[in-house]
Structures are given as C-alpha cells and as structure tokens.
Amino acid sequence: MKRVLPLALVVATAALCGLTVLHSETATSNRTPQFDKEEVKVWKTVVLPNQPLQMHRHEHPRVIIPLVGGTMKIVEQTGTSETHDWEFGHAYWLPANAPGTMHADVNVGDKPIVVMVVELEKEK
C-alpha cells in the first residue's frame, strides 16, 4: 500500500530545506521577482534578522503571503513603526503607502521571514 505524507509534513520539510539553502547561499535580505504584469507584480522577499530591507515605498496596495512567518516591524522614515505577526497559511492586506513616505522592513525575530508579495498595479 502506498503511503502519502500529510501535507503539513511535506510543507515543513520543504521549508526546512529552503532555510538550509537560504543560510548557505544568501547572506543578505533580498527580493526575487516572480512576474510583472500590467495588473499585478509578484515577488518573493526574504528578510533576515538584523538585516532590514532598505527604505522603499509601495504605490499600490499589496497582499503578503508568508511562506515562513515571523514578526516584521515596518519602520517609517519618520521613525514611527507598526509591527505585524505574519503566520504561514494566512494572507495579509497592506494598503498603498501615503504619498511622499518611505519605510524599511525589519525582521525582529531570530529566523528568516519569507513572503510572497502580490502588488495590485491598477489599485491606489
């Protein structure tokens, strides 16, 4: 009889393998484009502990889908911040940034955070 591993075990194994590769091949937080269409842009972001993404902005709203969750602090250029706890298996909505503002994404945990970002290019 053929045995099938539960989906959770497969996902956990893939995540652990991905983290092993991440530590051995990547030393900095980064973004990897997945595709860029007129309606939507998608990229994978890896944010390592103590290695925030540089200041940037989002002209359009976006959905965050954690592949490896954690606690992310979004620090505005003004110094104000908000903290998000992102869990695997959930999706999170973030609005477009206010005009003229920028922010950095800071992983306040001790493990890498990996998310897919789906930005809706036709929305404001």
N, C-alpha and C. Protein backbone atom coordinates (compact mmCIF):
# COMPACT_ATOMS: atom_id res chain seq x y z
N MET A 1 0.84 -1.18 0.00
CA MET A 1 0.00 0.00 0.00
C MET A 1 0.89 1.25 0.00
N LYS A 2 0.57 2.17 -0.85
CA LYS A 2 1.34 3.39 -0.99
C LYS A 2 0.99 4.34 0.15
N ARG A 3 2.02 4.87 0.84
CA ARG A 3 1.78 5.81 1.93
C ARG A 3 1.96 7.23 1.41
N VAL A 4 1.10 8.13 1.81
CA VAL A 4 1.18 9.53 1.43
C VAL A 4 1.43 10.35 2.68
N LEU A 5 2.47 11.18 2.65
CA LEU A 5 2.77 12.03 3.79
C LEU A 5 1.72 13.12 3.91
N PRO A 6 1.36 13.48 5.12
CA PRO A 6 0.43 14.60 5.28
C PRO A 6 1.04 15.88 4.69
N LEU A 7 0.19 16.72 4.16
CA LEU A 7 0.63 17.96 3.53
C LEU A 7 1.47 18.79 4.48
N ALA A 8 1.11 18.86 5.73
CA ALA A 8 1.87 19.67 6.70
C ALA A 8 3.31 19.20 6.81
N LEU A 9 3.53 17.90 6.80
CA LEU A 9 4.88 17.36 6.89
C LEU A 9 5.68 17.70 5.64
N VAL A 10 5.06 17.61 4.49
CA VAL A 10 5.73 17.95 3.24
C VAL A 10 6.11 19.43 3.22
N VAL A 11 5.17 20.29 3.61
CA VAL A 11 5.43 21.73 3.63
C VAL A 11 6.54 22.05 4.63
N ALA A 12 6.49 21.45 5.82
CA ALA A 12 7.52 21.70 6.83
C ALA A 12 8.89 21.25 6.33
N THR A 13 8.95 20.11 5.69
CA THR A 13 10.22 19.62 5.16
C THR A 13 10.75 20.56 4.09
N ALA A 14 9.88 21.01 3.20
CA ALA A 14 10.30 21.94 2.15
C ALA A 14 10.80 23.24 2.75
N ALA A 15 10.10 23.72 3.77
CA ALA A 15 10.52 24.97 4.42
C ALA A 15 11.88 24.82 5.07
N LEU A 16 12.11 23.71 5.75
CA LEU A 16 13.40 23.48 6.39
C LEU A 16 14.51 23.37 5.35
N CYS A 17 14.25 22.69 4.27
CA CYS A 17 15.25 22.58 3.19
C CYS A 17 15.53 23.95 2.60
N GLY A 18 14.49 24.73 2.42
CA GLY A 18 14.66 26.08 1.89
C GLY A 18 15.48 26.94 2.81
N LEU A 19 15.28 26.82 4.12
CA LEU A 19 16.05 27.61 5.07
C LEU A 19 17.51 27.19 5.07
N THR A 20 17.78 25.91 4.91
CA THR A 20 19.16 25.44 4.84
C THR A 20 19.86 26.07 3.65
N VAL A 21 19.19 26.07 2.51
CA VAL A 21 19.75 26.68 1.31
C VAL A 21 19.92 28.18 1.53
N LEU A 22 18.93 28.81 2.16
CA LEU A 22 18.98 30.24 2.41
C LEU A 22 20.23 30.61 3.21
N HIS A 23 20.50 29.89 4.28
CA HIS A 23 21.66 30.21 5.11
C HIS A 23 22.97 29.96 4.38
N SER A 24 23.03 28.97 3.55
CA SER A 24 24.29 28.65 2.90
C SER A 24 24.55 29.48 1.65
N GLU A 25 23.50 29.99 1.00
CA GLU A 25 23.70 30.69 -0.26
C GLU A 25 23.41 32.19 -0.19
N THR A 26 22.69 32.63 0.83
CA THR A 26 22.26 34.02 0.88
C THR A 26 22.70 34.65 2.19
N ALA A 27 23.37 35.78 2.10
CA ALA A 27 23.84 36.45 3.29
C ALA A 27 23.10 37.75 3.57
N THR A 28 22.21 38.16 2.66
CA THR A 28 21.50 39.42 2.85
C THR A 28 20.02 39.25 2.55
N SER A 29 19.24 40.16 3.12
CA SER A 29 17.82 40.20 2.79
C SER A 29 17.69 40.57 1.32
N ASN A 30 16.64 40.06 0.66
CA ASN A 30 16.54 40.31 -0.78
C ASN A 30 15.12 40.12 -1.30
N ARG A 31 14.93 40.60 -2.52
CA ARG A 31 13.68 40.43 -3.26
C ARG A 31 14.00 39.69 -4.55
N THR A 32 13.14 38.73 -4.90
CA THR A 32 13.30 37.98 -6.14
C THR A 32 12.02 38.11 -6.95
N PRO A 33 12.06 38.81 -8.09
CA PRO A 33 10.85 38.95 -8.91
C PRO A 33 10.34 37.58 -9.37
N GLN A 34 9.01 37.41 -9.35
CA GLN A 34 8.37 36.20 -9.82
C GLN A 34 7.75 36.47 -11.19
N PHE A 35 6.97 37.55 -11.30
CA PHE A 35 6.49 38.04 -12.59
C PHE A 35 5.96 39.45 -12.44
N ASP A 36 5.87 40.14 -13.57
CA ASP A 36 5.47 41.54 -13.62
C ASP A 36 4.50 41.71 -14.78
N LYS A 37 3.24 41.89 -14.47
CA LYS A 37 2.20 42.08 -15.48
C LYS A 37 1.58 43.47 -15.31
N GLU A 38 0.78 43.87 -16.26
CA GLU A 38 0.14 45.18 -16.19
C GLU A 38 -0.74 45.30 -14.94
N GLU A 39 -1.40 44.23 -14.56
CA GLU A 39 -2.34 44.25 -13.44
C GLU A 39 -1.71 43.93 -12.09
N VAL A 40 -0.62 43.16 -12.11
CA VAL A 40 -0.08 42.66 -10.84
C VAL A 40 1.41 42.39 -10.95
N LYS A 41 2.12 42.67 -9.87
CA LYS A 41 3.54 42.31 -9.73
C LYS A 41 3.64 41.34 -8.56
N VAL A 42 4.48 40.34 -8.70
CA VAL A 42 4.68 39.38 -7.62
C VAL A 42 6.18 39.19 -7.42
N TRP A 43 6.59 39.22 -6.17
CA TRP A 43 7.99 38.94 -5.84
C TRP A 43 8.06 38.20 -4.51
N LYS A 44 9.15 37.47 -4.34
CA LYS A 44 9.42 36.79 -3.07
C LYS A 44 10.43 37.64 -2.32
N THR A 45 10.15 37.88 -1.05
CA THR A 45 11.06 38.66 -0.23
C THR A 45 11.55 37.80 0.92
N VAL A 46 12.86 37.85 1.15
CA VAL A 46 13.48 37.19 2.30
C VAL A 46 14.06 38.30 3.15
N VAL A 47 13.63 38.36 4.42
CA VAL A 47 14.17 39.35 5.33
C VAL A 47 14.83 38.61 6.48
N LEU A 48 16.14 38.74 6.56
CA LEU A 48 16.91 38.08 7.60
C LEU A 48 16.90 38.91 8.88
N PRO A 49 17.06 38.25 10.03
CA PRO A 49 17.15 39.01 11.28
C PRO A 49 18.32 40.01 11.21
N ASN A 50 18.10 41.18 11.74
CA ASN A 50 19.12 42.23 11.79
C ASN A 50 19.62 42.69 10.42
N GLN A 51 18.86 42.42 9.35
CA GLN A 51 19.22 42.87 8.01
C GLN A 51 17.97 43.43 7.32
N PRO A 52 17.54 44.63 7.73
CA PRO A 52 16.31 45.19 7.15
C PRO A 52 16.44 45.47 5.66
N LEU A 53 15.30 45.44 4.98
CA LEU A 53 15.28 45.90 3.60
C LEU A 53 15.48 47.41 3.61
N GLN A 54 16.18 47.93 2.63
CA GLN A 54 16.42 49.36 2.58
C GLN A 54 15.11 50.12 2.40
N MET A 55 15.15 51.41 2.68
CA MET A 55 13.96 52.26 2.57
C MET A 55 13.39 52.15 1.15
N HIS A 56 12.06 52.00 1.10
CA HIS A 56 11.36 51.90 -0.17
C HIS A 56 9.90 52.28 0.05
N ARG A 57 9.12 52.27 -1.01
CA ARG A 57 7.70 52.58 -0.89
C ARG A 57 6.88 51.72 -1.84
N HIS A 58 5.59 51.69 -1.61
CA HIS A 58 4.66 50.94 -2.44
C HIS A 58 3.57 51.90 -2.91
N GLU A 59 3.50 52.10 -4.20
CA GLU A 59 2.49 52.98 -4.80
C GLU A 59 1.12 52.31 -4.84
N HIS A 60 1.09 50.99 -4.67
CA HIS A 60 -0.14 50.22 -4.81
C HIS A 60 -0.34 49.31 -3.59
N PRO A 61 -1.59 48.95 -3.30
CA PRO A 61 -1.83 48.01 -2.20
C PRO A 61 -1.28 46.63 -2.55
N ARG A 62 -1.08 45.82 -1.52
CA ARG A 62 -0.47 44.51 -1.74
C ARG A 62 -0.98 43.50 -0.74
N VAL A 63 -0.84 42.24 -1.14
CA VAL A 63 -1.17 41.11 -0.29
C VAL A 63 0.14 40.44 0.08
N ILE A 64 0.32 40.15 1.37
CA ILE A 64 1.51 39.46 1.86
C ILE A 64 1.10 38.04 2.18
N ILE A 65 1.81 37.06 1.62
CA ILE A 65 1.53 35.64 1.87
C ILE A 65 2.80 35.01 2.44
N PRO A 66 2.84 34.77 3.75
CA PRO A 66 4.04 34.21 4.37
C PRO A 66 4.29 32.76 3.96
N LEU A 67 5.50 32.49 3.51
CA LEU A 67 5.96 31.12 3.29
C LEU A 67 6.67 30.62 4.54
N VAL A 68 7.35 31.53 5.21
CA VAL A 68 7.94 31.30 6.53
C VAL A 68 7.61 32.55 7.33
N GLY A 69 6.74 32.42 8.32
CA GLY A 69 6.25 33.57 9.06
C GLY A 69 7.22 34.12 10.08
N GLY A 70 6.77 35.15 10.75
CA GLY A 70 7.56 35.79 11.79
C GLY A 70 6.99 37.16 12.09
N THR A 71 7.74 37.93 12.87
CA THR A 71 7.30 39.27 13.26
C THR A 71 8.10 40.31 12.50
N MET A 72 7.38 41.12 11.74
CA MET A 72 8.00 42.16 10.91
C MET A 72 7.61 43.52 11.45
N LYS A 73 8.60 44.37 11.62
CA LYS A 73 8.36 45.75 12.01
C LYS A 73 8.54 46.60 10.77
N ILE A 74 7.53 47.41 10.44
CA ILE A 74 7.61 48.33 9.32
C ILE A 74 7.92 49.70 9.90
N VAL A 75 9.12 50.18 9.61
CA VAL A 75 9.62 51.43 10.20
C VAL A 75 9.56 52.53 9.15
N GLU A 76 8.76 53.55 9.44
CA GLU A 76 8.63 54.69 8.54
C GLU A 76 9.87 55.58 8.62
N GLN A 77 10.08 56.35 7.59
CA GLN A 77 11.20 57.29 7.53
C GLN A 77 11.18 58.26 8.71
N THR A 78 9.98 58.55 9.21
CA THR A 78 9.82 59.48 10.33
C THR A 78 10.21 58.85 11.66
N GLY A 79 10.39 57.52 11.69
CA GLY A 79 10.72 56.84 12.93
C GLY A 79 9.54 56.09 13.54
N THR A 80 8.32 56.41 13.10
CA THR A 80 7.17 55.67 13.60
C THR A 80 7.20 54.26 13.02
N SER A 81 6.55 53.32 13.70
CA SER A 81 6.57 51.94 13.20
C SER A 81 5.29 51.22 13.58
N GLU A 82 5.06 50.12 12.90
CA GLU A 82 3.97 49.20 13.24
C GLU A 82 4.53 47.79 13.10
N THR A 83 4.03 46.90 13.93
CA THR A 83 4.52 45.52 13.94
C THR A 83 3.43 44.58 13.45
N HIS A 84 3.83 43.63 12.61
CA HIS A 84 2.91 42.64 12.05
C HIS A 84 3.42 41.25 12.39
N ASP A 85 2.53 40.41 12.91
CA ASP A 85 2.84 38.99 13.11
C ASP A 85 2.25 38.24 11.94
N TRP A 86 3.12 37.72 11.07
CA TRP A 86 2.69 37.04 9.87
C TRP A 86 2.83 35.54 10.06
N GLU A 87 1.72 34.81 9.90
CA GLU A 87 1.70 33.36 10.08
C GLU A 87 1.56 32.65 8.75
N PHE A 88 2.28 31.54 8.61
CA PHE A 88 2.13 30.67 7.45
C PHE A 88 0.67 30.25 7.34
N GLY A 89 0.16 30.20 6.12
CA GLY A 89 -1.22 29.77 5.90
C GLY A 89 -2.23 30.89 5.93
N HIS A 90 -1.78 32.12 6.14
CA HIS A 90 -2.67 33.28 6.16
C HIS A 90 -2.22 34.26 5.08
N ALA A 91 -3.10 35.19 4.73
CA ALA A 91 -2.77 36.26 3.79
C ALA A 91 -3.10 37.57 4.49
N TYR A 92 -2.31 38.60 4.20
CA TYR A 92 -2.46 39.89 4.88
C TYR A 92 -2.51 41.02 3.85
N TRP A 93 -3.39 41.99 4.10
CA TRP A 93 -3.58 43.13 3.21
C TRP A 93 -2.81 44.33 3.76
N LEU A 94 -2.03 44.98 2.91
CA LEU A 94 -1.38 46.24 3.27
C LEU A 94 -1.74 47.27 2.20
N PRO A 95 -2.18 48.45 2.62
CA PRO A 95 -2.56 49.49 1.65
C PRO A 95 -1.34 50.12 1.00
N ALA A 96 -1.58 50.91 -0.03
CA ALA A 96 -0.51 51.69 -0.66
C ALA A 96 0.05 52.64 0.39
N ASN A 97 1.32 53.00 0.24
CA ASN A 97 1.93 53.96 1.16
C ASN A 97 1.40 55.36 0.87
N ALA A 98 1.34 56.17 1.90
CA ALA A 98 0.93 57.56 1.74
C ALA A 98 1.95 58.28 0.85
N PRO A 99 1.50 59.25 0.07
CA PRO A 99 2.41 59.98 -0.82
C PRO A 99 3.61 60.56 -0.04
N GLY A 100 4.79 60.45 -0.64
CA GLY A 100 5.98 61.04 -0.07
C GLY A 100 6.60 60.30 1.10
N THR A 101 6.09 59.10 1.42
CA THR A 101 6.64 58.36 2.56
C THR A 101 7.47 57.17 2.08
N MET A 102 8.36 56.73 2.96
CA MET A 102 9.16 55.54 2.70
C MET A 102 9.25 54.74 3.99
N HIS A 103 9.56 53.46 3.85
CA HIS A 103 9.69 52.61 5.03
C HIS A 103 10.75 51.53 4.80
N ALA A 104 11.18 50.92 5.89
CA ALA A 104 12.07 49.77 5.84
C ALA A 104 11.37 48.62 6.56
N ASP A 105 11.59 47.39 6.08
CA ASP A 105 11.03 46.20 6.71
C ASP A 105 12.11 45.57 7.57
N VAL A 106 11.81 45.41 8.87
CA VAL A 106 12.78 44.90 9.83
C VAL A 106 12.25 43.62 10.46
N ASN A 107 12.97 42.53 10.29
CA ASN A 107 12.63 41.25 10.91
C ASN A 107 13.13 41.31 12.35
N VAL A 108 12.20 41.34 13.32
CA VAL A 108 12.59 41.46 14.72
C VAL A 108 12.75 40.10 15.40
N GLY A 109 12.60 39.02 14.63
CA GLY A 109 12.78 37.67 15.17
C GLY A 109 14.21 37.19 15.01
N ASP A 110 14.39 35.89 15.24
CA ASP A 110 15.73 35.31 15.13
C ASP A 110 15.86 34.32 13.98
N LYS A 111 14.81 34.24 13.13
CA LYS A 111 14.83 33.35 11.96
C LYS A 111 14.40 34.15 10.73
N PRO A 112 14.82 33.76 9.54
CA PRO A 112 14.41 34.48 8.32
C PRO A 112 12.89 34.47 8.15
N ILE A 113 12.36 35.54 7.61
CA ILE A 113 10.96 35.63 7.19
C ILE A 113 10.96 35.59 5.67
N VAL A 114 10.09 34.75 5.10
CA VAL A 114 9.99 34.63 3.64
C VAL A 114 8.52 34.86 3.28
N VAL A 115 8.28 35.83 2.41
CA VAL A 115 6.90 36.13 1.99
C VAL A 115 6.83 36.29 0.48
N MET A 116 5.66 35.99 -0.05
CA MET A 116 5.33 36.36 -1.42
C MET A 116 4.53 37.66 -1.31
N VAL A 117 4.87 38.62 -2.15
CA VAL A 117 4.18 39.90 -2.16
C VAL A 117 3.46 40.02 -3.50
N VAL A 118 2.16 40.27 -3.44
CA VAL A 118 1.33 40.42 -4.64
C VAL A 118 0.84 41.86 -4.64
N GLU A 119 1.40 42.66 -5.53
CA GLU A 119 1.05 44.08 -5.57
C GLU A 119 0.08 44.34 -6.72
N LEU A 120 -1.04 44.99 -6.41
CA LEU A 120 -2.11 45.23 -7.39
C LEU A 120 -1.84 46.56 -8.10
N GLU A 121 -1.34 46.50 -9.32
CA GLU A 121 -0.84 47.66 -10.03
C GLU A 121 -1.91 48.65 -10.46
N LYS A 122 -3.16 48.24 -10.54
CA LYS A 122 -4.21 49.14 -11.01
C LYS A 122 -4.96 49.80 -9.85
N GLU A 123 -4.62 49.43 -8.62
CA GLU A 123 -5.29 49.99 -7.44
C GLU A 123 -4.42 51.09 -6.83
N LYS A 124 -5.04 52.01 -6.15
CA LYS A 124 -4.33 53.07 -5.43
C LYS A 124 -4.67 53.03 -3.98
